[in-house]
Amino acid sequence: MLILITYDVSTMTSAGQKRLRKVAKTCQNYGQRVQNSVFECIIDSTQYVSLKHELSSIINPKEDSLRFYKLGDNHKNKVEHIGVKESIDIESPLIF
């Protein structure tokens, strides 16, 4: 299933800047960055639970926020892209 993750982490302190880096790195382990603070992740339900748990343990819920949008398995018809930085289809074979 495709999950769209957005986050807003307060970076007013060095601790907040560290949380921001950790959130981004964790998201990168599961998917690809499509914009600042926005990741697309194609994961199964077990990975989704793990990802939510990991991210929830990083953020400060009094200062930061996370949003998860479940676009499901039939996501190819639900996502349109216009402009630069077209994302890589991570389900297709990659040839280097």
Protein backbone atom coordinates (compact mmCIF):
# COMPACT_ATOMS: atom_id res chain seq x y z
CA MET A 1 0.00 0.00 0.00
CA LEU A 2 1.10 3.57 -0.60
CA ILE A 3 1.42 5.76 2.48
CA LEU A 4 2.06 9.48 2.19
CA ILE A 5 3.81 10.87 5.27
CA THR A 6 4.02 14.56 6.06
CA TYR A 7 5.63 16.05 9.12
CA ASP A 8 6.30 19.35 10.80
CA VAL A 9 9.03 19.32 13.42
CA SER A 10 9.85 22.40 15.48
CA THR A 11 13.48 23.35 14.85
CA MET A 12 13.72 26.23 17.32
CA THR A 13 16.15 24.21 19.47
CA SER A 14 19.05 21.90 18.72
CA ALA A 15 16.94 19.02 20.06
CA GLY A 16 14.25 19.88 17.50
CA GLN A 17 16.81 19.97 14.70
CA LYS A 18 18.02 16.54 15.78
CA ARG A 19 14.43 15.20 15.79
CA LEU A 20 13.92 16.57 12.28
CA ARG A 21 16.99 14.72 10.99
CA LYS A 22 15.87 11.50 12.72
CA VAL A 23 12.34 11.73 11.30
CA ALA A 24 13.70 12.31 7.78
CA LYS A 25 16.19 9.45 8.07
CA THR A 26 13.53 7.07 9.37
CA CYS A 27 11.16 7.99 6.54
CA GLN A 28 13.98 7.54 4.03
CA ASN A 29 14.45 3.97 5.29
CA TYR A 30 10.89 3.17 4.20
CA GLY A 31 10.35 5.28 1.09
CA GLN A 32 11.40 8.24 -1.00
CA ARG A 33 11.30 11.96 -0.35
CA VAL A 34 9.03 13.73 -2.83
CA GLN A 35 9.15 17.20 -1.25
CA ASN A 36 10.53 18.76 1.91
CA SER A 37 8.89 16.94 4.82
CA VAL A 38 6.87 14.68 2.49
CA PHE A 39 7.62 11.02 1.78
CA GLU A 40 5.92 8.32 -0.29
CA CYS A 41 6.31 4.83 1.14
CA ILE A 42 5.15 1.60 -0.48
CA ILE A 43 4.94 -0.72 2.50
CA ASP A 44 2.84 -3.54 3.92
CA SER A 45 0.71 -3.30 7.05
CA THR A 46 3.44 -4.70 9.32
CA GLN A 47 5.95 -2.14 8.07
CA TYR A 48 3.32 0.59 8.49
CA VAL A 49 2.88 -0.29 12.18
CA SER A 50 6.67 -0.30 12.67
CA LEU A 51 7.09 3.01 10.87
CA LYS A 52 4.37 4.71 12.93
CA HIS A 53 5.91 3.37 16.13
CA GLU A 54 9.42 4.53 15.18
CA LEU A 55 8.27 8.01 14.20
CA SER A 56 6.02 8.38 17.25
CA SER A 57 8.97 7.62 19.51
CA ILE A 58 11.07 10.36 17.85
CA ILE A 59 8.73 13.35 17.80
CA ASN A 60 7.66 15.59 20.64
CA PRO A 61 3.84 15.57 20.33
CA LYS A 62 3.63 18.94 22.09
CA GLU A 63 5.77 20.63 19.40
CA ASP A 64 5.73 18.40 16.30
CA SER A 65 3.16 16.72 14.09
CA LEU A 66 2.95 13.72 11.79
CA ARG A 67 0.28 12.93 9.20
CA PHE A 68 -0.20 9.58 7.50
CA TYR A 69 -2.34 9.33 4.37
CA LYS A 70 -3.23 5.79 3.33
CA LEU A 71 -3.62 5.77 -0.44
CA GLY A 72 -3.94 1.98 -0.55
CA ASP A 73 -2.86 -0.60 -3.09
CA ASN A 74 -4.56 1.02 -6.08
CA HIS A 75 -2.48 4.18 -5.73
CA LYS A 76 -1.32 4.57 -9.33
CA ASN A 77 -4.68 6.08 -10.29
CA LYS A 78 -4.72 8.38 -7.25
CA VAL A 79 -1.41 10.21 -7.71
CA GLU A 80 -0.76 12.86 -10.34
CA HIS A 81 2.47 14.77 -10.78
CA ILE A 82 3.08 18.09 -12.51
CA GLY A 83 6.44 19.83 -12.75
CA VAL A 84 10.01 19.02 -11.84
CA LYS A 85 11.36 16.25 -9.65
CA GLU A 86 9.31 13.39 -10.99
CA SER A 87 9.56 10.54 -8.52
CA ILE A 88 11.08 7.18 -9.33
CA ASP A 89 8.65 4.28 -9.54
CA ILE A 90 10.19 2.13 -6.82
CA GLU A 91 8.12 -0.87 -7.90
CA SER A 92 9.75 -0.91 -11.36
CA PRO A 93 13.13 -2.50 -12.05
CA LEU A 94 16.04 -0.09 -11.79
CA ILE A 95 18.76 -0.34 -14.43
CA PHE A 96 22.11 1.32 -13.78
